Every structure is written in C-alpha cells, then in structure tokens.
C-alpha cells in the first residue's frame, strides 16, 4: 500500500537513537523506505512507530536491499519485518 507516512526505526547497533524514514510503500511483510544515507544489507532493528498517527508497531526488521539514487536524490531501502 502506498502511503505518505513515516516509519520510526531503532537500529540494534544504536538503540537509544530513533530515526524517521519516509515510507514509499508498506505491507504486513515489510516496507520500502527512502534515506539520504545507504543502509547496510543485514542491518537489524525494531520498527517502533508509524507516523503521523503515532501507531506503535514494535516489529523486528532487517535491511534486505539498498539501492543508490540514479543521479541524485535518496537511497531506496527494502525492509523485511520479522
């Protein structure tokens, strides 16, 4: 489902820091997000909140793939929920 929402993730290597990512699309199994910096395949974390409503989801997630921008712009990243 395409959305204008954001996903808040706490990566396991830095749990105190919550990072917001714009969601391109999301499903029960995962999400496609955009970020200004690449994320490493295999990174794990916890997707904690969907914004703007503030819905708590607390789902384990991992980076499946990360694509660089074509010429400029943001990286696209695929997350799998566990």
PDB file of N, CA and C in Angstrom:
ATOM      1  N   UNK A   1       0.836  -1.179   0.000  1.00  0.00           N
ATOM      2  CA  UNK A   1       0.000   0.000   0.000  1.00  0.00           C
ATOM      3  C   UNK A   1       0.883   1.245   0.000  1.00  0.00           C
ATOM      4  N   UNK A   2       0.676   2.149  -0.940  1.00  0.00           N
ATOM      5  CA  UNK A   2       1.423   3.398  -0.981  1.00  0.00           C
ATOM      6  C   UNK A   2       0.906   4.332   0.118  1.00  0.00           C
ATOM      7  N   UNK A   3       1.815   5.133   0.665  1.00  0.00           N
ATOM      8  CA  UNK A   3       1.442   5.972   1.792  1.00  0.00           C
ATOM      9  C   UNK A   3       2.316   7.220   1.857  1.00  0.00           C
ATOM     10  N   UNK A   4       1.909   8.202   2.604  1.00  0.00           N
ATOM     11  CA  UNK A   4       2.701   9.402   2.864  1.00  0.00           C
ATOM     12  C   UNK A   4       3.231   9.377   4.298  1.00  0.00           C
ATOM     13  N   UNK A   5       3.236   8.218   4.902  1.00  0.00           N
ATOM     14  CA  UNK A   5       3.613   8.075   6.307  1.00  0.00           C
ATOM     15  C   UNK A   5       5.131   7.990   6.480  1.00  0.00           C
ATOM     16  N   UNK A   6       5.537   7.978   7.732  1.00  0.00           N
ATOM     17  CA  UNK A   6       6.938   7.780   8.094  1.00  0.00           C
ATOM     18  C   UNK A   6       7.026   6.603   9.067  1.00  0.00           C
ATOM     19  N   UNK A   7       8.175   5.966   9.046  1.00  0.00           N
ATOM     20  CA  UNK A   7       8.438   4.829   9.924  1.00  0.00           C
ATOM     21  C   UNK A   7       9.585   5.213  10.845  1.00  0.00           C
ATOM     22  N   UNK A   8       9.410   4.997  12.140  1.00  0.00           N
ATOM     23  CA  UNK A   8      10.471   5.260  13.118  1.00  0.00           C
ATOM     24  C   UNK A   8      11.140   3.930  13.435  1.00  0.00           C
ATOM     25  N   UNK A   9      12.465   3.900  13.265  1.00  0.00           N
ATOM     26  CA  UNK A   9      13.240   2.669  13.486  1.00  0.00           C
ATOM     27  C   UNK A   9      14.334   2.937  14.507  1.00  0.00           C
ATOM     28  N   UNK A  10      14.546   1.975  15.385  1.00  0.00           N
ATOM     29  CA  UNK A  10      15.697   1.972  16.300  1.00  0.00           C
ATOM     30  C   UNK A  10      16.583   0.812  15.871  1.00  0.00           C
ATOM     31  N   UNK A  11      17.768   1.137  15.323  1.00  0.00           N
ATOM     32  CA  UNK A  11      18.696   0.103  14.870  1.00  0.00           C
ATOM     33  C   UNK A  11      19.391  -0.531  16.062  1.00  0.00           C
ATOM     34  N   UNK A  12      19.599  -1.829  16.016  1.00  0.00           N
ATOM     35  CA  UNK A  12      20.151  -2.561  17.149  1.00  0.00           C
ATOM     36  C   UNK A  12      21.560  -2.111  17.524  1.00  0.00           C
ATOM     37  N   UNK A  13      22.308  -1.572  16.587  1.00  0.00           N
ATOM     38  CA  UNK A  13      23.662  -1.101  16.918  1.00  0.00           C
ATOM     39  C   UNK A  13      23.644   0.237  17.660  1.00  0.00           C
ATOM     40  N   UNK A  14      22.476   0.909  17.708  1.00  0.00           N
ATOM     41  CA  UNK A  14      22.355   2.212  18.371  1.00  0.00           C
ATOM     42  C   UNK A  14      20.916   2.398  18.862  1.00  0.00           C
ATOM     43  N   UNK A  15      20.480   1.546  19.789  1.00  0.00           N
ATOM     44  CA  UNK A  15      19.083   1.530  20.253  1.00  0.00           C
ATOM     45  C   UNK A  15      18.575   2.856  20.818  1.00  0.00           C
ATOM     46  N   UNK A  16      19.396   3.679  21.467  1.00  0.00           N
ATOM     47  CA  UNK A  16      18.844   4.932  22.005  1.00  0.00           C
ATOM     48  C   UNK A  16      18.382   5.920  20.926  1.00  0.00           C
ATOM     49  N   UNK A  17      18.893   5.771  19.700  1.00  0.00           N
ATOM     50  CA  UNK A  17      18.583   6.726  18.643  1.00  0.00           C
ATOM     51  C   UNK A  17      17.435   6.225  17.770  1.00  0.00           C
ATOM     52  N   UNK A  18      16.380   7.014  17.689  1.00  0.00           N
ATOM     53  CA  UNK A  18      15.238   6.700  16.823  1.00  0.00           C
ATOM     54  C   UNK A  18      15.362   7.534  15.551  1.00  0.00           C
ATOM     55  N   UNK A  19      15.232   6.882  14.391  1.00  0.00           N
ATOM     56  CA  UNK A  19      15.379   7.566  13.102  1.00  0.00           C
ATOM     57  C   UNK A  19      14.083   7.438  12.317  1.00  0.00           C
ATOM     58  N   UNK A  20      13.664   8.561  11.724  1.00  0.00           N
ATOM     59  CA  UNK A  20      12.431   8.598  10.923  1.00  0.00           C
ATOM     60  C   UNK A  20      12.784   8.440   9.449  1.00  0.00           C
ATOM     61  N   UNK A  21      12.018   7.588   8.754  1.00  0.00           N
ATOM     62  CA  UNK A  21      12.198   7.367   7.320  1.00  0.00           C
ATOM     63  C   UNK A  21      10.858   7.547   6.622  1.00  0.00           C
ATOM     64  N   UNK A  22      10.878   8.189   5.462  1.00  0.00           N
ATOM     65  CA  UNK A  22       9.666   8.312   4.653  1.00  0.00           C
ATOM     66  C   UNK A  22       9.379   6.960   4.017  1.00  0.00           C
ATOM     67  N   UNK A  23       8.132   6.524   4.096  1.00  0.00           N
ATOM     68  CA  UNK A  23       7.716   5.231   3.552  1.00  0.00           C
ATOM     69  C   UNK A  23       7.205   5.426   2.139  1.00  0.00           C
ATOM     70  N   UNK A  24       7.725   4.616   1.208  1.00  0.00           N
ATOM     71  CA  UNK A  24       7.188   4.601  -0.154  1.00  0.00           C
ATOM     72  C   UNK A  24       6.006   3.650  -0.242  1.00  0.00           C
ATOM     73  N   UNK A  25       6.145   2.481   0.374  1.00  0.00           N
ATOM     74  CA  UNK A  25       5.022   1.556   0.498  1.00  0.00           C
ATOM     75  C   UNK A  25       5.297   0.604   1.648  1.00  0.00           C
ATOM     76  N   UNK A  26       4.208   0.009   2.161  1.00  0.00           N
ATOM     77  CA  UNK A  26       4.317  -0.844   3.337  1.00  0.00           C
ATOM     78  C   UNK A  26       3.286  -1.963   3.240  1.00  0.00           C
ATOM     79  N   UNK A  27       3.645  -3.125   3.768  1.00  0.00           N
ATOM     80  CA  UNK A  27       2.730  -4.260   3.820  1.00  0.00           C
ATOM     81  C   UNK A  27       2.973  -4.997   5.129  1.00  0.00           C
ATOM     82  N   UNK A  28       2.265  -6.086   5.338  1.00  0.00           N
ATOM     83  CA  UNK A  28       2.452  -6.888   6.552  1.00  0.00           C
ATOM     84  C   UNK A  28       3.876  -7.443   6.627  1.00  0.00           C
ATOM     85  N   UNK A  29       4.487  -7.703   5.458  1.00  0.00           N
ATOM     86  CA  UNK A  29       5.803  -8.333   5.427  1.00  0.00           C
ATOM     87  C   UNK A  29       6.990  -7.404   5.415  1.00  0.00           C
ATOM     88  N   UNK A  30       6.768  -6.107   5.162  1.00  0.00           N
ATOM     89  CA  UNK A  30       7.903  -5.200   5.115  1.00  0.00           C
ATOM     90  C   UNK A  30       7.534  -3.830   4.596  1.00  0.00           C
ATOM     91  N   UNK A  31       8.576  -3.045   4.309  1.00  0.00           N
ATOM     92  CA  UNK A  31       8.366  -1.678   3.845  1.00  0.00           C
ATOM     93  C   UNK A  31       9.493  -1.283   2.907  1.00  0.00           C
ATOM     94  N   UNK A  32       9.183  -0.325   2.037  1.00  0.00           N
ATOM     95  CA  UNK A  32      10.193   0.292   1.187  1.00  0.00           C
ATOM     96  C   UNK A  32      10.288   1.733   1.649  1.00  0.00           C
ATOM     97  N   UNK A  33      11.494   2.142   2.050  1.00  0.00           N
ATOM     98  CA  UNK A  33      11.705   3.470   2.616  1.00  0.00           C
ATOM     99  C   UNK A  33      12.751   4.221   1.801  1.00  0.00           C
ATOM    100  N   UNK A  34      12.871   5.515   2.058  1.00  0.00           N
ATOM    101  CA  UNK A  34      13.930   6.314   1.454  1.00  0.00           C
ATOM    102  C   UNK A  34      14.775   6.931   2.557  1.00  0.00           C
ATOM    103  N   UNK A  35      16.075   7.084   2.251  1.00  0.00           N
ATOM    104  CA  UNK A  35      17.013   7.634   3.217  1.00  0.00           C
ATOM    105  C   UNK A  35      18.136   8.359   2.474  1.00  0.00           C
ATOM    106  N   UNK A  36      18.719   9.354   3.108  1.00  0.00           N
ATOM    107  CA  UNK A  36      19.805  10.109   2.478  1.00  0.00           C
ATOM    108  C   UNK A  36      21.125   9.349   2.522  1.00  0.00           C
ATOM    109  N   UNK A  37      21.232   8.357   3.389  1.00  0.00           N
ATOM    110  CA  UNK A  37      22.459   7.561   3.510  1.00  0.00           C
ATOM    111  C   UNK A  37      22.135   6.092   3.275  1.00  0.00           C
ATOM    112  N   UNK A  38      23.071   5.348   2.685  1.00  0.00           N
ATOM    113  CA  UNK A  38      22.796   3.924   2.449  1.00  0.00           C
ATOM    114  C   UNK A  38      22.703   3.163   3.768  1.00  0.00           C
ATOM    115  N   UNK A  39      21.887   2.123   3.772  1.00  0.00           N
ATOM    116  CA  UNK A  39      21.813   1.216   4.915  1.00  0.00           C
ATOM    117  C   UNK A  39      22.417  -0.110   4.471  1.00  0.00           C
ATOM    118  N   UNK A  40      23.120  -0.765   5.353  1.00  0.00           N
ATOM    119  CA  UNK A  40      23.845  -1.986   5.024  1.00  0.00           C
ATOM    120  C   UNK A  40      22.902  -3.181   5.059  1.00  0.00           C
ATOM    121  N   UNK A  41      22.948  -3.995   3.994  1.00  0.00           N
ATOM    122  CA  UNK A  41      22.134  -5.211   3.963  1.00  0.00           C
ATOM    123  C   UNK A  41      22.456  -6.059   5.188  1.00  0.00           C
ATOM    124  N   UNK A  42      21.411  -6.576   5.822  1.00  0.00           N
ATOM    125  CA  UNK A  42      21.573  -7.392   7.015  1.00  0.00           C
ATOM    126  C   UNK A  42      21.447  -6.631   8.319  1.00  0.00           C
ATOM    127  N   UNK A  43      21.471  -5.278   8.270  1.00  0.00           N
ATOM    128  CA  UNK A  43      21.269  -4.489   9.498  1.00  0.00           C
ATOM    129  C   UNK A  43      19.947  -4.883  10.117  1.00  0.00           C
ATOM    130  N   UNK A  44      19.904  -4.939  11.439  1.00  0.00           N
ATOM    131  CA  UNK A  44      18.669  -5.286  12.122  1.00  0.00           C
ATOM    132  C   UNK A  44      18.269  -4.179  13.089  1.00  0.00           C
ATOM    133  N   UNK A  45      16.975  -4.100  13.313  1.00  0.00           N
ATOM    134  CA  UNK A  45      16.457  -3.088  14.222  1.00  0.00           C
ATOM    135  C   UNK A  45      15.033  -3.410  14.598  1.00  0.00           C
ATOM    136  N   UNK A  46      14.385  -2.424  15.200  1.00  0.00           N
ATOM    137  CA  UNK A  46      12.983  -2.542  15.561  1.00  0.00           C
ATOM    138  C   UNK A  46      12.240  -1.347  14.984  1.00  0.00           C
ATOM    139  N   UNK A  47      11.246  -1.642  14.139  1.00  0.00           N
ATOM    140  CA  UNK A  47      10.360  -0.600  13.634  1.00  0.00           C
ATOM    141  C   UNK A  47       9.363  -0.343  14.764  1.00  0.00           C
ATOM    142  N   UNK A  48       9.393   0.859  15.318  1.00  0.00           N
ATOM    143  CA  UNK A  48       8.615   1.101  16.531  1.00  0.00           C
ATOM    144  C   UNK A  48       7.313   1.854  16.319  1.00  0.00           C
ATOM    145  N   UNK A  49       7.278   2.806  15.379  1.00  0.00           N
ATOM    146  CA  UNK A  49       6.107   3.666  15.251  1.00  0.00           C
ATOM    147  C   UNK A  49       5.844   4.032  13.804  1.00  0.00           C
ATOM    148  N   UNK A  50       4.562   4.111  13.445  1.00  0.00           N
ATOM    149  CA  UNK A  50       4.135   4.662  12.165  1.00  0.00           C
ATOM    150  C   UNK A  50       3.598   6.058  12.419  1.00  0.00           C
ATOM    151  N   UNK A  51       4.125   7.026  11.685  1.00  0.00           N
ATOM    152  CA  UNK A  51       3.671   8.409  11.807  1.00  0.00           C
ATOM    153  C   UNK A  51       2.873   8.762  10.565  1.00  0.00           C
ATOM    154  N   UNK A  52       1.939   9.671  10.585  1.00  0.00           N
ATOM    155  CA  UNK A  52       1.740  10.706  11.583  1.00  0.00           C
ATOM    156  C   UNK A  52       0.823  10.319  12.739  1.00  0.00           C
ATOM    157  N   UNK A  53       0.133   9.194  12.664  1.00  0.00           N
ATOM    158  CA  UNK A  53      -0.822   8.850  13.723  1.00  0.00           C
ATOM    159  C   UNK A  53      -0.163   8.382  15.013  1.00  0.00           C
ATOM    160  N   UNK A  54       1.103   7.980  14.947  1.00  0.00           N
ATOM    161  CA  UNK A  54       1.793   7.510  16.145  1.00  0.00           C
ATOM    162  C   UNK A  54       1.451   6.083  16.513  1.00  0.00           C
ATOM    163  N   UNK A  55       1.046   5.275  15.532  1.00  0.00           N
ATOM    164  CA  UNK A  55       0.690   3.875  15.775  1.00  0.00           C
ATOM    165  C   UNK A  55       1.922   3.068  16.150  1.00  0.00           C
ATOM    166  N   UNK A  56       1.904   2.441  17.318  1.00  0.00           N
ATOM    167  CA  UNK A  56       3.032   1.611  17.771  1.00  0.00           C
ATOM    168  C   UNK A  56       2.948   0.255  17.090  1.00  0.00           C
ATOM    169  N   UNK A  57       4.070  -0.174  16.443  1.00  0.00           N
ATOM    170  CA  UNK A  57       4.050  -1.476  15.780  1.00  0.00           C
ATOM    171  C   UNK A  57       5.062  -2.457  16.367  1.00  0.00           C
ATOM    172  N   UNK A  58       6.190  -1.970  16.886  1.00  0.00           N
ATOM    173  CA  UNK A  58       7.209  -2.808  17.534  1.00  0.00           C
ATOM    174  C   UNK A  58       7.456  -4.117  16.794  1.00  0.00           C
ATOM    175  N   UNK A  59       7.935  -4.005  15.547  1.00  0.00           N
ATOM    176  CA  UNK A  59       8.240  -5.164  14.706  1.00  0.00           C
ATOM    177  C   UNK A  59       9.740  -5.226  14.463  1.00  0.00           C
ATOM    178  N   UNK A  60      10.346  -6.401  14.660  1.00  0.00           N
ATOM    179  CA  UNK A  60      11.737  -6.581  14.276  1.00  0.00           C
ATOM    180  C   UNK A  60      11.825  -6.385  12.769  1.00  0.00           C
ATOM    181  N   UNK A  61      12.928  -5.802  12.301  1.00  0.00           N
ATOM    182  CA  UNK A  61      13.098  -5.601  10.867  1.00  0.00           C
ATOM    183  C   UNK A  61      14.556  -5.785  10.491  1.00  0.00           C
ATOM    184  N   UNK A  62      14.777  -6.065   9.215  1.00  0.00           N
ATOM    185  CA  UNK A  62      16.146  -6.166   8.701  1.00  0.00           C
ATOM    186  C   UNK A  62      16.186  -5.578   7.298  1.00  0.00           C
ATOM    187  N   UNK A  63      17.357  -5.054   6.930  1.00  0.00           N
ATOM    188  CA  UNK A  63      17.552  -4.480   5.608  1.00  0.00           C
ATOM    189  C   UNK A  63      17.790  -5.613   4.626  1.00  0.00           C
ATOM    190  N   UNK A  64      16.919  -5.725   3.612  1.00  0.00           N
ATOM    191  CA  UNK A  64      17.043  -6.759   2.578  1.00  0.00           C
ATOM    192  C   UNK A  64      17.879  -6.275   1.409  1.00  0.00           C
ATOM    193  N   UNK A  65      17.691  -5.012   1.047  1.00  0.00           N
ATOM    194  CA  UNK A  65      18.415  -4.432  -0.071  1.00  0.00           C
ATOM    195  C   UNK A  65      18.465  -2.922   0.081  1.00  0.00           C
ATOM    196  N   UNK A  66      19.442  -2.318  -0.603  1.00  0.00           N
ATOM    197  CA  UNK A  66      19.607  -0.870  -0.603  1.00  0.00           C
ATOM    198  C   UNK A  66      20.065  -0.454  -1.996  1.00  0.00           C
ATOM    199  N   UNK A  67      19.323   0.458  -2.626  1.00  0.00           N
ATOM    200  CA  UNK A  67      19.648   0.924  -3.977  1.00  0.00           C
ATOM    201  C   UNK A  67      20.112   2.368  -3.939  1.00  0.00           C
ATOM    202  N   UNK A  68      21.233   2.648  -4.616  1.00  0.00           N
ATOM    203  CA  UNK A  68      21.692   4.042  -4.677  1.00  0.00           C
ATOM    204  C   UNK A  68      20.776   4.870  -5.570  1.00  0.00           C
ATOM    205  N   UNK A  69      20.784   6.197  -5.381  1.00  0.00           N
ATOM    206  CA  UNK A  69      19.994   7.061  -6.254  1.00  0.00           C
ATOM    207  C   UNK A  69      20.532   7.008  -7.686  1.00  0.00           C
ATOM    208  N   UNK A  70      19.649   7.206  -8.662  1.00  0.00           N
ATOM    209  CA  UNK A  70      20.061   7.172 -10.072  1.00  0.00           C
ATOM    210  C   UNK A  70      21.130   8.233 -10.347  1.00  0.00           C
ATOM    211  N   UNK A  71      20.823   9.482 -10.154  1.00  0.00           N
ATOM    212  CA  UNK A  71      21.792  10.565 -10.342  1.00  0.00           C
ATOM    213  C   UNK A  71      21.920  11.400  -9.083  1.00  0.00           C
ATOM    214  N   UNK A  72      20.802  11.690  -8.493  1.00  0.00           N
ATOM    215  CA  UNK A  72      20.783  12.432  -7.235  1.00  0.00           C
ATOM    216  C   UNK A  72      19.514  12.036  -6.509  1.00  0.00           C
ATOM    217  N   UNK A  73      19.431  12.392  -5.277  1.00  0.00           N
ATOM    218  CA  UNK A  73      18.245  12.048  -4.508  1.00  0.00           C
ATOM    219  C   UNK A  73      18.572  11.083  -3.386  1.00  0.00           C
ATOM    220  N   UNK A  74      17.573  10.288  -3.026  1.00  0.00           N
ATOM    221  CA  UNK A  74      17.691   9.429  -1.853  1.00  0.00           C
ATOM    222  C   UNK A  74      17.902   7.966  -2.244  1.00  0.00           C
ATOM    223  N   UNK A  75      18.423   7.201  -1.305  1.00  0.00           N
ATOM    224  CA  UNK A  75      18.543   5.751  -1.452  1.00  0.00           C
ATOM    225  C   UNK A  75      17.179   5.133  -1.187  1.00  0.00           C
ATOM    226  N   UNK A  76      16.853   4.075  -1.908  1.00  0.00           N
ATOM    227  CA  UNK A  76      15.673   3.280  -1.598  1.00  0.00           C
ATOM    228  C   UNK A  76      16.144   2.042  -0.857  1.00  0.00           C
ATOM    229  N   UNK A  77      15.416   1.669   0.185  1.00  0.00           N
ATOM    230  CA  UNK A  77      15.794   0.536   1.029  1.00  0.00           C
ATOM    231  C   UNK A  77      14.596  -0.351   1.268  1.00  0.00           C
ATOM    232  N   UNK A  78      14.802  -1.655   1.150  1.00  0.00           N
ATOM    233  CA  UNK A  78      13.761  -2.618   1.441  1.00  0.00           C
ATOM    234  C   UNK A  78      13.951  -3.208   2.829  1.00  0.00           C
ATOM    235  N   UNK A  79      12.926  -3.126   3.654  1.00  0.00           N
ATOM    236  CA  UNK A  79      12.951  -3.700   4.994  1.00  0.00           C
ATOM    237  C   UNK A  79      12.030  -4.915   5.045  1.00  0.00           C
ATOM    238  N   UNK A  80      12.460  -5.955   5.720  1.00  0.00           N
ATOM    239  CA  UNK A  80      11.610  -7.128   5.958  1.00  0.00           C
ATOM    240  C   UNK A  80      11.272  -7.155   7.440  1.00  0.00           C
ATOM    241  N   UNK A  81       9.983  -7.290   7.735  1.00  0.00           N
ATOM    242  CA  UNK A  81       9.558  -7.409   9.121  1.00  0.00           C
ATOM    243  C   UNK A  81       9.668  -8.864   9.548  1.00  0.00           C
ATOM    244  N   UNK A  82      10.138  -9.082  10.783  1.00  0.00           N
ATOM    245  CA  UNK A  82      10.296 -10.415  11.295  1.00  0.00           C
ATOM    246  C   UNK A  82       9.294 -10.751  12.352  1.00  0.00           C
TER     247      UNK A  82
END
